[in-house]
Amino acid sequence: MIRSVLFSVVLSAALIYTVLRLHSVYEQGLASRVTSIDIFADQITYRTSHYPTPSLLAIGLKAANDPPQKITLHDCDREHDFEAVIDIVREQGYRDFEIELPDTC
């Protein structure tokens, strides 16, 4: 009886170790996530949300408390929104981010 209990404990410990090891290997294989703000013709995306105006983005940015690492303009007609987004990001104290513009702008 004691042998079967000890065998079950050892088998459970080995299974737990294997699962934890596989999880750590999986996390190491993932690429680092880049938080970005993308400005398209009809919307502004940040993380998993979509915002129609920069003022609504400011609310989402404040609520998420996750600094953007990149701000990308995809439509040259929204340059005024692009400037507003940069101002909003700087007002919230975030200074270290990349800026990407299309070649046509």
C-alpha atoms as a PDB file:
ATOM      1  CA  MET A   1       0.000   0.000   0.000  1.00  0.00           C
ATOM      2  CA  ILE A   2       2.792   2.423   0.879  1.00  0.00           C
ATOM      3  CA  ARG A   3       4.525   1.596  -2.401  1.00  0.00           C
ATOM      4  CA  SER A   4       1.478   2.488  -4.452  1.00  0.00           C
ATOM      5  CA  VAL A   5       1.021   5.796  -2.588  1.00  0.00           C
ATOM      6  CA  LEU A   6       4.699   6.695  -3.061  1.00  0.00           C
ATOM      7  CA  PHE A   7       4.488   5.714  -6.733  1.00  0.00           C
ATOM      8  CA  SER A   8       1.438   7.979  -7.191  1.00  0.00           C
ATOM      9  CA  VAL A   9       3.211  10.898  -5.487  1.00  0.00           C
ATOM     10  CA  VAL A  10       6.331  10.485  -7.627  1.00  0.00           C
ATOM     11  CA  LEU A  11       4.273  10.145 -10.794  1.00  0.00           C
ATOM     12  CA  SER A  12       2.260  13.271  -9.929  1.00  0.00           C
ATOM     13  CA  ALA A  13       5.454  15.241  -9.217  1.00  0.00           C
ATOM     14  CA  ALA A  14       6.939  14.161 -12.556  1.00  0.00           C
ATOM     15  CA  LEU A  15       3.772  15.167 -14.376  1.00  0.00           C
ATOM     16  CA  ILE A  16       3.680  18.598 -12.708  1.00  0.00           C
ATOM     17  CA  TYR A  17       7.380  19.174 -13.495  1.00  0.00           C
ATOM     18  CA  THR A  18       6.804  18.219 -17.145  1.00  0.00           C
ATOM     19  CA  VAL A  19       3.848  20.579 -17.524  1.00  0.00           C
ATOM     20  CA  LEU A  20       5.742  23.482 -15.923  1.00  0.00           C
ATOM     21  CA  ARG A  21       8.780  22.812 -18.103  1.00  0.00           C
ATOM     22  CA  LEU A  22       6.683  22.719 -21.277  1.00  0.00           C
ATOM     23  CA  HIS A  23       5.004  25.972 -20.290  1.00  0.00           C
ATOM     24  CA  SER A  24       8.333  27.750 -19.771  1.00  0.00           C
ATOM     25  CA  VAL A  25       9.665  26.474 -23.109  1.00  0.00           C
ATOM     26  CA  TYR A  26       6.475  27.698 -24.818  1.00  0.00           C
ATOM     27  CA  GLU A  27       6.764  31.182 -23.273  1.00  0.00           C
ATOM     28  CA  GLN A  28      10.408  31.480 -24.314  1.00  0.00           C
ATOM     29  CA  GLY A  29       9.441  30.655 -27.901  1.00  0.00           C
ATOM     30  CA  LEU A  30       6.902  33.460 -28.118  1.00  0.00           C
ATOM     31  CA  ALA A  31       7.995  36.701 -29.725  1.00  0.00           C
ATOM     32  CA  SER A  32       7.934  39.751 -27.509  1.00  0.00           C
ATOM     33  CA  ARG A  33       4.702  41.691 -27.845  1.00  0.00           C
ATOM     34  CA  VAL A  34       4.885  45.203 -29.261  1.00  0.00           C
ATOM     35  CA  THR A  35       2.115  47.515 -28.117  1.00  0.00           C
ATOM     36  CA  SER A  36       1.228  49.826 -30.986  1.00  0.00           C
ATOM     37  CA  ILE A  37      -1.261  52.463 -32.022  1.00  0.00           C
ATOM     38  CA  ASP A  38      -2.316  52.163 -35.666  1.00  0.00           C
ATOM     39  CA  ILE A  39      -4.136  55.005 -37.404  1.00  0.00           C
ATOM     40  CA  PHE A  40      -6.219  53.805 -40.356  1.00  0.00           C
ATOM     41  CA  ALA A  41      -8.621  55.676 -42.633  1.00  0.00           C
ATOM     42  CA  ASP A  42     -11.682  54.867 -40.529  1.00  0.00           C
ATOM     43  CA  GLN A  43     -10.376  54.010 -37.058  1.00  0.00           C
ATOM     44  CA  ILE A  44      -7.533  54.062 -34.579  1.00  0.00           C
ATOM     45  CA  THR A  45      -6.527  50.725 -33.066  1.00  0.00           C
ATOM     46  CA  TYR A  46      -4.744  50.249 -29.753  1.00  0.00           C
ATOM     47  CA  ARG A  47      -4.209  46.797 -28.307  1.00  0.00           C
ATOM     48  CA  THR A  48      -7.499  44.982 -28.998  1.00  0.00           C
ATOM     49  CA  SER A  49      -9.811  48.011 -29.198  1.00  0.00           C
ATOM     50  CA  HIS A  50     -10.877  50.353 -32.004  1.00  0.00           C
ATOM     51  CA  TYR A  51     -11.465  54.086 -31.519  1.00  0.00           C
ATOM     52  CA  PRO A  52     -13.044  56.510 -34.008  1.00  0.00           C
ATOM     53  CA  THR A  53     -11.368  59.648 -32.561  1.00  0.00           C
ATOM     54  CA  PRO A  54      -8.157  60.519 -30.738  1.00  0.00           C
ATOM     55  CA  SER A  55     -10.101  61.757 -27.688  1.00  0.00           C
ATOM     56  CA  LEU A  56     -11.643  58.316 -27.209  1.00  0.00           C
ATOM     57  CA  LEU A  57      -8.194  56.790 -27.654  1.00  0.00           C
ATOM     58  CA  ALA A  58      -6.968  58.993 -24.792  1.00  0.00           C
ATOM     59  CA  ILE A  59      -9.550  57.421 -22.487  1.00  0.00           C
ATOM     60  CA  GLY A  60      -8.551  53.916 -23.557  1.00  0.00           C
ATOM     61  CA  LEU A  61      -4.864  54.691 -23.221  1.00  0.00           C
ATOM     62  CA  LYS A  62      -5.361  56.043 -19.723  1.00  0.00           C
ATOM     63  CA  ALA A  63      -7.469  53.038 -18.698  1.00  0.00           C
ATOM     64  CA  ALA A  64      -5.064  50.446 -20.111  1.00  0.00           C
ATOM     65  CA  ASN A  65      -1.941  51.965 -18.553  1.00  0.00           C
ATOM     66  CA  ASP A  66       0.181  50.154 -21.160  1.00  0.00           C
ATOM     67  CA  PRO A  67       2.586  52.500 -22.952  1.00  0.00           C
ATOM     68  CA  PRO A  68       2.669  52.207 -26.738  1.00  0.00           C
ATOM     69  CA  GLN A  69       5.997  51.276 -28.250  1.00  0.00           C
ATOM     70  CA  LYS A  70       5.065  52.247 -31.806  1.00  0.00           C
ATOM     71  CA  ILE A  71       2.658  54.705 -33.464  1.00  0.00           C
ATOM     72  CA  THR A  72       1.926  53.973 -37.124  1.00  0.00           C
ATOM     73  CA  LEU A  73       0.052  56.119 -39.631  1.00  0.00           C
ATOM     74  CA  HIS A  74      -1.507  54.050 -42.424  1.00  0.00           C
ATOM     75  CA  ASP A  75      -3.545  56.780 -44.183  1.00  0.00           C
ATOM     76  CA  CYS A  76      -2.016  60.139 -45.080  1.00  0.00           C
ATOM     77  CA  ASP A  77      -5.419  61.860 -44.931  1.00  0.00           C
ATOM     78  CA  ARG A  78      -5.431  61.444 -41.148  1.00  0.00           C
ATOM     79  CA  GLU A  79      -2.224  63.344 -40.420  1.00  0.00           C
ATOM     80  CA  HIS A  80      -4.101  65.728 -38.107  1.00  0.00           C
ATOM     81  CA  ASP A  81      -5.278  62.721 -36.043  1.00  0.00           C
ATOM     82  CA  PHE A  82      -1.721  61.383 -36.079  1.00  0.00           C
ATOM     83  CA  GLU A  83      -0.450  64.628 -34.560  1.00  0.00           C
ATOM     84  CA  ALA A  84      -3.254  64.579 -31.980  1.00  0.00           C
ATOM     85  CA  VAL A  85      -2.395  61.002 -31.011  1.00  0.00           C
ATOM     86  CA  ILE A  86       1.264  61.890 -30.528  1.00  0.00           C
ATOM     87  CA  ASP A  87       0.261  64.855 -28.350  1.00  0.00           C
ATOM     88  CA  ILE A  88      -2.054  62.637 -26.273  1.00  0.00           C
ATOM     89  CA  VAL A  89       0.625  60.015 -25.782  1.00  0.00           C
ATOM     90  CA  ARG A  90       3.160  62.637 -24.713  1.00  0.00           C
ATOM     91  CA  GLU A  91       0.651  64.308 -22.355  1.00  0.00           C
ATOM     92  CA  GLN A  92       0.258  61.004 -20.561  1.00  0.00           C
ATOM     93  CA  GLY A  93       4.002  60.897 -19.941  1.00  0.00           C
ATOM     94  CA  TYR A  94       5.071  58.338 -22.527  1.00  0.00           C
ATOM     95  CA  ARG A  95       8.153  59.484 -24.401  1.00  0.00           C
ATOM     96  CA  ASP A  96       9.860  56.341 -25.672  1.00  0.00           C
ATOM     97  CA  PHE A  97       8.051  55.156 -28.825  1.00  0.00           C
ATOM     98  CA  GLU A  98       8.732  54.692 -32.522  1.00  0.00           C
ATOM     99  CA  ILE A  99       6.913  56.561 -35.277  1.00  0.00           C
ATOM    100  CA  GLU A 100       6.167  55.007 -38.675  1.00  0.00           C
ATOM    101  CA  LEU A 101       4.832  56.981 -41.649  1.00  0.00           C
ATOM    102  CA  PRO A 102       4.016  55.816 -45.184  1.00  0.00           C
ATOM    103  CA  ASP A 103       6.494  56.793 -47.867  1.00  0.00           C
ATOM    104  CA  THR A 104       3.843  58.841 -49.686  1.00  0.00           C
ATOM    105  CA  CYS A 105       3.254  61.314 -46.837  1.00  0.00           C
END
